C-alpha atoms as a PDB file:
ATOM      1  CA  MET A   1       5.527 -15.785 -11.054  1.00  0.00           C
ATOM      2  CA  SER A   2       2.033 -16.781 -12.126  1.00  0.00           C
ATOM      3  CA  ARG A   3       0.713 -13.238 -11.852  1.00  0.00           C
ATOM      4  CA  GLU A   4      -1.182 -11.650 -14.712  1.00  0.00           C
ATOM      5  CA  PRO A   5       1.216  -9.309 -16.603  1.00  0.00           C
ATOM      6  CA  ARG A   6      -1.244  -6.421 -16.626  1.00  0.00           C
ATOM      7  CA  THR A   7      -1.469  -6.476 -12.820  1.00  0.00           C
ATOM      8  CA  VAL A   8       2.322  -6.085 -12.415  1.00  0.00           C
ATOM      9  CA  ILE A   9       2.463  -2.800 -14.380  1.00  0.00           C
ATOM     10  CA  ILE A  10       0.305  -0.093 -12.788  1.00  0.00           C
ATOM     11  CA  LYS A  11       0.960   2.873 -15.099  1.00  0.00           C
ATOM     12  CA  PRO A  12       3.687   4.556 -17.131  1.00  0.00           C
ATOM     13  CA  ILE A  13       5.507   7.467 -15.520  1.00  0.00           C
ATOM     14  CA  MET A  14       5.576  10.467 -17.856  1.00  0.00           C
ATOM     15  CA  THR A  15       7.823  13.156 -16.468  1.00  0.00           C
ATOM     16  CA  GLU A  16      10.282  15.397 -18.300  1.00  0.00           C
ATOM     17  CA  LYS A  17      13.167  13.168 -17.266  1.00  0.00           C
ATOM     18  CA  SER A  18      11.479   9.916 -18.287  1.00  0.00           C
ATOM     19  CA  MET A  19      10.421  11.333 -21.674  1.00  0.00           C
ATOM     20  CA  ARG A  20      13.985  12.547 -22.321  1.00  0.00           C
ATOM     21  CA  GLN A  21      15.328   9.083 -21.410  1.00  0.00           C
ATOM     22  CA  LYS A  22      12.788   7.515 -23.762  1.00  0.00           C
ATOM     23  CA  GLU A  23      13.929   9.671 -26.681  1.00  0.00           C
ATOM     24  CA  GLU A  24      17.678   9.478 -26.037  1.00  0.00           C
ATOM     25  CA  GLY A  25      18.234   6.023 -24.595  1.00  0.00           C
ATOM     26  CA  ASN A  26      15.220   3.845 -25.509  1.00  0.00           C
ATOM     27  CA  VAL A  27      14.295   3.631 -21.804  1.00  0.00           C
ATOM     28  CA  VAL A  28      10.703   3.493 -20.486  1.00  0.00           C
ATOM     29  CA  THR A  29       9.636   4.094 -16.871  1.00  0.00           C
ATOM     30  CA  PHE A  30       6.688   2.406 -15.143  1.00  0.00           C
ATOM     31  CA  GLN A  31       5.073   2.368 -11.733  1.00  0.00           C
ATOM     32  CA  VAL A  32       4.834  -1.298 -10.754  1.00  0.00           C
ATOM     33  CA  GLN A  33       3.483  -3.380  -7.869  1.00  0.00           C
ATOM     34  CA  PRO A  34       5.724  -2.934  -4.788  1.00  0.00           C
ATOM     35  CA  ASP A  35       6.213  -6.697  -4.411  1.00  0.00           C
ATOM     36  CA  ALA A  36       7.096  -7.328  -8.086  1.00  0.00           C
ATOM     37  CA  ASN A  37      10.642  -8.459  -8.831  1.00  0.00           C
ATOM     38  CA  LYS A  38      12.778  -7.736 -11.902  1.00  0.00           C
ATOM     39  CA  VAL A  39      11.951 -11.041 -13.597  1.00  0.00           C
ATOM     40  CA  GLU A  40       8.195 -10.441 -13.282  1.00  0.00           C
ATOM     41  CA  ILE A  41       8.571  -6.865 -14.554  1.00  0.00           C
ATOM     42  CA  ARG A  42      10.621  -8.028 -17.561  1.00  0.00           C
ATOM     43  CA  MET A  43       8.085 -10.731 -18.463  1.00  0.00           C
ATOM     44  CA  ALA A  44       5.131  -8.346 -18.028  1.00  0.00           C
ATOM     45  CA  VAL A  45       6.621  -5.634 -20.268  1.00  0.00           C
ATOM     46  CA  GLU A  46       7.606  -8.166 -22.937  1.00  0.00           C
ATOM     47  CA  ARG A  47       4.130  -9.747 -23.002  1.00  0.00           C
ATOM     48  CA  VAL A  48       2.010  -6.593 -22.766  1.00  0.00           C
ATOM     49  CA  PHE A  49       3.955  -4.450 -25.259  1.00  0.00           C
ATOM     50  CA  ASN A  50       5.454  -7.231 -27.434  1.00  0.00           C
ATOM     51  CA  VAL A  51       9.039  -5.915 -27.155  1.00  0.00           C
ATOM     52  CA  LYS A  52      12.413  -7.305 -26.055  1.00  0.00           C
ATOM     53  CA  VAL A  53      13.793  -5.993 -22.725  1.00  0.00           C
ATOM     54  CA  SER A  54      17.549  -5.830 -22.183  1.00  0.00           C
ATOM     55  CA  ASP A  55      17.710  -4.424 -18.614  1.00  0.00           C
ATOM     56  CA  VAL A  56      15.434  -3.611 -15.664  1.00  0.00           C
ATOM     57  CA  ARG A  57      16.336  -1.274 -12.799  1.00  0.00           C
ATOM     58  CA  THR A  58      14.005  -0.815  -9.837  1.00  0.00           C
ATOM     59  CA  SER A  59      13.749   1.573  -6.923  1.00  0.00           C
ATOM     60  CA  SER A  60      11.285   1.658  -4.039  1.00  0.00           C
ATOM     61  CA  TYR A  61       9.869   4.862  -2.593  1.00  0.00           C
ATOM     62  CA  GLU A  62       8.335   5.277   0.846  1.00  0.00           C
ATOM     63  CA  GLY A  63       5.130   7.304   0.967  1.00  0.00           C
ATOM     64  CA  LYS A  64       5.459  10.891   2.176  1.00  0.00           C
ATOM     65  CA  LEU A  65       3.972  12.069   5.453  1.00  0.00           C
ATOM     66  CA  LYS A  66       1.137  14.518   4.862  1.00  0.00           C
ATOM     67  CA  ARG A  67      -0.806  16.655   7.311  1.00  0.00           C
ATOM     68  CA  MET A  68      -4.336  17.959   7.100  1.00  0.00           C
ATOM     69  CA  GLY A  69      -4.729  20.288  10.052  1.00  0.00           C
ATOM     70  CA  ARG A  70      -4.139  18.272  13.225  1.00  0.00           C
ATOM     71  CA  HIS A  71      -4.361  14.935  11.446  1.00  0.00           C
ATOM     72  CA  GLN A  72      -1.378  13.196   9.980  1.00  0.00           C
ATOM     73  CA  GLY A  73      -1.398  10.533   7.294  1.00  0.00           C
ATOM     74  CA  ARG A  74       0.909   8.882   4.808  1.00  0.00           C
ATOM     75  CA  ARG A  75       0.744   8.536   1.050  1.00  0.00           C
ATOM     76  CA  PRO A  76       1.114   4.980  -0.231  1.00  0.00           C
ATOM     77  CA  SER A  77       4.571   3.547  -0.827  1.00  0.00           C
ATOM     78  CA  TRP A  78       5.359   2.661  -4.455  1.00  0.00           C
ATOM     79  CA  LYS A  79       7.950   1.127  -6.744  1.00  0.00           C
ATOM     80  CA  LYS A  80       9.436   2.447  -9.983  1.00  0.00           C
ATOM     81  CA  ALA A  81      10.885   0.282 -12.759  1.00  0.00           C
ATOM     82  CA  VAL A  82      13.212   1.741 -15.404  1.00  0.00           C
ATOM     83  CA  VAL A  83      13.153  -0.644 -18.376  1.00  0.00           C
ATOM     84  CA  GLN A  84      15.871  -0.582 -21.065  1.00  0.00           C
ATOM     85  CA  LEU A  85      14.530  -1.876 -24.368  1.00  0.00           C
ATOM     86  CA  ALA A  86      16.637  -3.835 -26.838  1.00  0.00           C
ATOM     87  CA  PRO A  87      17.834  -1.932 -29.937  1.00  0.00           C
ATOM     88  CA  GLY A  88      15.150  -1.754 -32.597  1.00  0.00           C
ATOM     89  CA  HIS A  89      12.251  -2.122 -30.160  1.00  0.00           C
ATOM     90  CA  LYS A  90      10.005   0.772 -29.197  1.00  0.00           C
ATOM     91  CA  ILE A  91       6.929   1.442 -27.047  1.00  0.00           C
ATOM     92  CA  GLU A  92       4.503   4.134 -28.183  1.00  0.00           C
ATOM     93  CA  LEU A  93       2.815   5.462 -25.038  1.00  0.00           C
ATOM     94  CA  VAL A  94       1.616   9.022 -25.742  1.00  0.00           C
ATOM     95  CA  GLU A  95       3.240  10.927 -28.591  1.00  0.00           C
ATOM     96  CA  GLY A  96       2.731  14.617 -29.188  1.00  0.00           C
ATOM     97  CA  ALA A  97       0.750  15.215 -25.998  1.00  0.00           C
END
């Protein structure tokens, strides 16, 4: 757990569902390193955004198979973290975009 917090979090996920969860339930969604655990994700979010985290849920996704003519490849596998913030804490990612 001596990883740099900014290397654990890759990017925020901004979909319609994640933005609705952010507004209604104070929940933020991130793409994280596939080998990161919940403790590392919690510590990284708390340090980078200076907030208090109450819950972390993770799910891993296997990369999809893609074809380009006769050739077949695979997109990279990735991991999603759904972070529940404590009441009164907020992360401002992109507002009004």
